[in-house]
Amino acid sequence: KSWCLPSYDLLNNINDSVNLAKVNAGITTAGGKKIGFGTSSSYEYVWSSSEYDYYYAWYFYANTSGSFYMNSYGKNGYTASVRPVLAF
């Protein structure tokens, strides 16, 4: 298997509390840092590989209090995590 940057659709599949909990359980088992526990320890923005248009790209937002959503933001000058996934 090879690694890839997740697409909008793949990230959006974890865009509910049940799926996010399952993904985070797998990440914890593998020794990684759960999604939503970013550099501030209370939130994380994760880039997708999908563009919204020529200037914007989609990202997933999650925080430790259970808020999550998909949104788009300008690709220049914005900081977000890159979370590669195994292709399946």
N, C-alpha and C. Protein backbone atom coordinates (compact mmCIF):
# COMPACT_ATOMS: atom_id res chain seq x y z
N LYS A 1 0.84 -1.19 0.00
CA LYS A 1 0.00 0.00 0.00
C LYS A 1 0.88 1.24 0.00
N SER A 2 0.34 2.32 -0.52
CA SER A 2 1.10 3.57 -0.54
C SER A 2 0.33 4.66 0.19
N TRP A 3 1.06 5.67 0.61
CA TRP A 3 0.48 6.80 1.32
C TRP A 3 -0.09 7.81 0.34
N CYS A 4 -1.11 8.54 0.77
CA CYS A 4 -1.66 9.62 -0.04
C CYS A 4 -2.20 10.71 0.88
N LEU A 5 -2.36 11.89 0.34
CA LEU A 5 -3.03 12.97 1.04
C LEU A 5 -4.52 12.76 0.84
N PRO A 6 -5.32 12.69 1.91
CA PRO A 6 -6.74 12.35 1.75
C PRO A 6 -7.51 13.39 0.95
N SER A 7 -8.45 12.91 0.16
CA SER A 7 -9.31 13.78 -0.63
C SER A 7 -10.42 14.37 0.26
N TYR A 8 -11.15 15.31 -0.30
CA TYR A 8 -12.33 15.87 0.38
C TYR A 8 -13.28 14.75 0.80
N ASP A 9 -13.59 13.84 -0.14
CA ASP A 9 -14.54 12.77 0.16
C ASP A 9 -14.06 11.87 1.29
N LEU A 10 -12.79 11.53 1.29
CA LEU A 10 -12.26 10.67 2.34
C LEU A 10 -12.33 11.37 3.70
N LEU A 11 -11.90 12.62 3.77
CA LEU A 11 -11.98 13.36 5.03
C LEU A 11 -13.43 13.56 5.46
N ASN A 12 -14.31 13.80 4.51
CA ASN A 12 -15.71 14.03 4.84
C ASN A 12 -16.37 12.76 5.39
N ASN A 13 -15.83 11.59 5.06
CA ASN A 13 -16.35 10.34 5.61
C ASN A 13 -16.16 10.23 7.11
N ILE A 14 -15.19 10.95 7.67
CA ILE A 14 -15.00 10.94 9.12
C ILE A 14 -15.64 12.16 9.78
N ASN A 15 -16.49 12.83 9.02
CA ASN A 15 -17.09 14.08 9.48
C ASN A 15 -18.33 13.84 10.36
N ASP A 16 -18.24 12.87 11.24
CA ASP A 16 -19.25 12.68 12.28
C ASP A 16 -18.55 12.04 13.48
N SER A 17 -19.15 12.16 14.65
CA SER A 17 -18.46 11.76 15.88
C SER A 17 -18.16 10.26 15.94
N VAL A 18 -19.02 9.42 15.37
CA VAL A 18 -18.79 7.97 15.42
C VAL A 18 -17.56 7.61 14.58
N ASN A 19 -17.52 8.06 13.34
CA ASN A 19 -16.39 7.74 12.47
C ASN A 19 -15.10 8.38 12.96
N LEU A 20 -15.17 9.61 13.45
CA LEU A 20 -13.97 10.27 13.96
C LEU A 20 -13.43 9.50 15.16
N ALA A 21 -14.29 9.00 16.04
CA ALA A 21 -13.84 8.21 17.19
C ALA A 21 -13.15 6.93 16.73
N LYS A 22 -13.69 6.28 15.69
CA LYS A 22 -13.08 5.06 15.17
C LYS A 22 -11.71 5.33 14.55
N VAL A 23 -11.62 6.40 13.78
CA VAL A 23 -10.34 6.77 13.16
C VAL A 23 -9.33 7.10 14.24
N ASN A 24 -9.73 7.88 15.24
CA ASN A 24 -8.81 8.25 16.31
C ASN A 24 -8.37 7.03 17.12
N ALA A 25 -9.24 6.06 17.29
CA ALA A 25 -8.85 4.83 18.00
C ALA A 25 -7.76 4.11 17.22
N GLY A 26 -7.90 4.04 15.90
CA GLY A 26 -6.88 3.41 15.07
C GLY A 26 -5.57 4.17 15.10
N ILE A 27 -5.64 5.50 15.05
CA ILE A 27 -4.43 6.32 15.10
C ILE A 27 -3.72 6.11 16.43
N THR A 28 -4.48 6.07 17.54
CA THR A 28 -3.89 5.85 18.87
C THR A 28 -3.23 4.48 18.95
N THR A 29 -3.89 3.46 18.42
CA THR A 29 -3.32 2.11 18.41
C THR A 29 -2.00 2.07 17.65
N ALA A 30 -1.92 2.85 16.57
CA ALA A 30 -0.70 2.90 15.76
C ALA A 30 0.37 3.81 16.37
N GLY A 31 0.04 4.46 17.50
CA GLY A 31 1.02 5.32 18.18
C GLY A 31 1.03 6.75 17.71
N GLY A 32 -0.02 7.18 17.00
CA GLY A 32 -0.08 8.54 16.49
C GLY A 32 -0.89 9.48 17.35
N LYS A 33 -0.94 10.73 16.92
CA LYS A 33 -1.69 11.77 17.61
C LYS A 33 -3.08 11.88 17.00
N LYS A 34 -4.13 11.81 17.82
CA LYS A 34 -5.50 11.83 17.34
C LYS A 34 -5.82 13.11 16.58
N ILE A 35 -6.69 13.00 15.57
CA ILE A 35 -7.17 14.17 14.84
C ILE A 35 -7.99 15.03 15.80
N GLY A 36 -7.77 16.33 15.76
CA GLY A 36 -8.45 17.24 16.66
C GLY A 36 -7.58 17.68 17.82
N PHE A 37 -6.42 17.05 17.94
CA PHE A 37 -5.47 17.42 18.98
C PHE A 37 -4.22 17.97 18.30
N GLY A 38 -4.36 19.15 17.73
CA GLY A 38 -3.29 19.76 16.95
C GLY A 38 -2.24 20.40 17.81
N THR A 39 -1.54 21.35 17.24
CA THR A 39 -0.42 21.98 17.94
C THR A 39 -0.86 22.75 19.18
N SER A 40 -2.11 23.22 19.19
CA SER A 40 -2.59 23.93 20.38
C SER A 40 -3.18 22.97 21.40
N SER A 41 -3.24 21.69 21.06
CA SER A 41 -3.83 20.64 21.89
C SER A 41 -5.34 20.74 22.00
N SER A 42 -5.98 21.66 21.28
CA SER A 42 -7.44 21.76 21.37
C SER A 42 -8.13 21.80 20.01
N TYR A 43 -7.40 21.92 18.93
CA TYR A 43 -8.02 21.94 17.60
C TYR A 43 -6.98 21.58 16.54
N GLU A 44 -7.48 21.25 15.35
CA GLU A 44 -6.59 20.95 14.24
C GLU A 44 -7.33 21.17 12.92
N TYR A 45 -6.64 21.77 11.97
CA TYR A 45 -7.11 21.88 10.60
C TYR A 45 -6.27 20.91 9.77
N VAL A 46 -6.92 20.11 8.92
CA VAL A 46 -6.23 19.11 8.12
C VAL A 46 -6.52 19.36 6.65
N TRP A 47 -5.47 19.62 5.86
CA TRP A 47 -5.66 19.84 4.43
C TRP A 47 -6.12 18.56 3.75
N SER A 48 -6.95 18.73 2.74
CA SER A 48 -7.28 17.62 1.83
C SER A 48 -6.48 17.82 0.55
N SER A 49 -6.52 16.85 -0.32
CA SER A 49 -5.85 16.98 -1.63
C SER A 49 -6.78 17.63 -2.66
N SER A 50 -8.01 17.95 -2.26
CA SER A 50 -9.01 18.45 -3.21
C SER A 50 -9.05 19.97 -3.23
N GLU A 51 -9.03 20.51 -4.43
CA GLU A 51 -9.17 21.95 -4.59
C GLU A 51 -10.64 22.32 -4.67
N TYR A 52 -10.96 23.48 -4.10
CA TYR A 52 -12.30 24.05 -4.24
C TYR A 52 -12.38 24.81 -5.56
N ASP A 53 -11.34 25.58 -5.82
CA ASP A 53 -11.15 26.28 -7.10
C ASP A 53 -9.67 26.60 -7.21
N TYR A 54 -9.29 27.51 -8.11
CA TYR A 54 -7.88 27.79 -8.35
C TYR A 54 -7.17 28.37 -7.12
N TYR A 55 -7.90 28.99 -6.20
CA TYR A 55 -7.29 29.64 -5.04
C TYR A 55 -7.55 28.89 -3.74
N TYR A 56 -8.65 28.20 -3.63
CA TYR A 56 -9.06 27.57 -2.38
C TYR A 56 -8.89 26.04 -2.42
N ALA A 57 -8.62 25.47 -1.26
CA ALA A 57 -8.58 24.01 -1.10
C ALA A 57 -9.46 23.64 0.09
N TRP A 58 -9.93 22.41 0.10
CA TRP A 58 -10.79 21.95 1.19
C TRP A 58 -9.94 21.52 2.39
N TYR A 59 -10.45 21.77 3.58
CA TYR A 59 -9.82 21.25 4.79
C TYR A 59 -10.88 20.74 5.75
N PHE A 60 -10.44 19.90 6.66
CA PHE A 60 -11.28 19.33 7.71
C PHE A 60 -10.87 20.00 9.01
N TYR A 61 -11.84 20.42 9.81
CA TYR A 61 -11.57 21.04 11.11
C TYR A 61 -12.12 20.13 12.19
N ALA A 62 -11.33 19.86 13.21
CA ALA A 62 -11.80 19.08 14.36
C ALA A 62 -11.19 19.67 15.62
N ASN A 63 -11.94 19.60 16.72
CA ASN A 63 -11.37 20.02 17.99
C ASN A 63 -11.72 19.03 19.08
N THR A 64 -11.09 19.20 20.23
CA THR A 64 -11.24 18.25 21.32
C THR A 64 -12.62 18.27 21.95
N SER A 65 -13.42 19.31 21.69
CA SER A 65 -14.76 19.36 22.27
C SER A 65 -15.80 18.73 21.35
N GLY A 66 -15.37 18.17 20.21
CA GLY A 66 -16.28 17.43 19.35
C GLY A 66 -16.83 18.18 18.16
N SER A 67 -16.38 19.41 17.91
CA SER A 67 -16.81 20.15 16.72
C SER A 67 -15.97 19.72 15.53
N PHE A 68 -16.62 19.58 14.37
CA PHE A 68 -15.90 19.21 13.16
C PHE A 68 -16.72 19.65 11.96
N TYR A 69 -16.05 19.98 10.87
CA TYR A 69 -16.72 20.35 9.63
C TYR A 69 -15.72 20.41 8.50
N MET A 70 -16.23 20.45 7.29
CA MET A 70 -15.40 20.65 6.11
C MET A 70 -15.59 22.10 5.65
N ASN A 71 -14.53 22.72 5.17
CA ASN A 71 -14.60 24.09 4.70
C ASN A 71 -13.50 24.29 3.66
N SER A 72 -13.49 25.44 3.00
CA SER A 72 -12.41 25.74 2.06
C SER A 72 -11.71 27.01 2.51
N TYR A 73 -10.43 27.10 2.13
CA TYR A 73 -9.66 28.28 2.51
C TYR A 73 -8.56 28.48 1.49
N GLY A 74 -8.07 29.71 1.40
CA GLY A 74 -7.00 30.04 0.47
C GLY A 74 -5.76 29.19 0.71
N LYS A 75 -5.13 28.75 -0.37
CA LYS A 75 -3.99 27.86 -0.27
C LYS A 75 -2.71 28.59 0.12
N ASN A 76 -2.67 29.90 -0.01
CA ASN A 76 -1.47 30.66 0.30
C ASN A 76 -1.60 31.32 1.67
N GLY A 77 -0.60 31.15 2.49
CA GLY A 77 -0.55 31.85 3.76
C GLY A 77 -1.43 31.28 4.85
N TYR A 78 -1.87 30.04 4.72
CA TYR A 78 -2.72 29.43 5.74
C TYR A 78 -2.05 28.16 6.22
N THR A 79 -2.02 27.97 7.52
CA THR A 79 -1.34 26.82 8.10
C THR A 79 -2.34 25.76 8.51
N ALA A 80 -2.14 24.55 8.06
CA ALA A 80 -2.95 23.41 8.47
C ALA A 80 -2.06 22.17 8.46
N SER A 81 -2.50 21.13 9.15
CA SER A 81 -1.75 19.88 9.20
C SER A 81 -1.89 19.12 7.89
N VAL A 82 -0.94 18.28 7.63
CA VAL A 82 -1.03 17.32 6.54
C VAL A 82 -1.04 15.95 7.19
N ARG A 83 -2.12 15.21 6.99
CA ARG A 83 -2.28 13.87 7.59
C ARG A 83 -2.35 12.85 6.47
N PRO A 84 -1.22 12.24 6.10
CA PRO A 84 -1.28 11.24 5.05
C PRO A 84 -2.02 9.99 5.54
N VAL A 85 -2.63 9.29 4.62
CA VAL A 85 -3.35 8.05 4.93
C VAL A 85 -2.86 6.95 4.00
N LEU A 86 -3.06 5.71 4.42
CA LEU A 86 -2.76 4.58 3.55
C LEU A 86 -3.90 4.43 2.55
N ALA A 87 -3.55 4.31 1.30
CA ALA A 87 -4.59 4.06 0.27
C ALA A 87 -5.22 2.71 0.55
N PHE A 88 -6.52 2.61 0.32
CA PHE A 88 -7.19 1.34 0.56
C PHE A 88 -8.16 1.04 -0.54
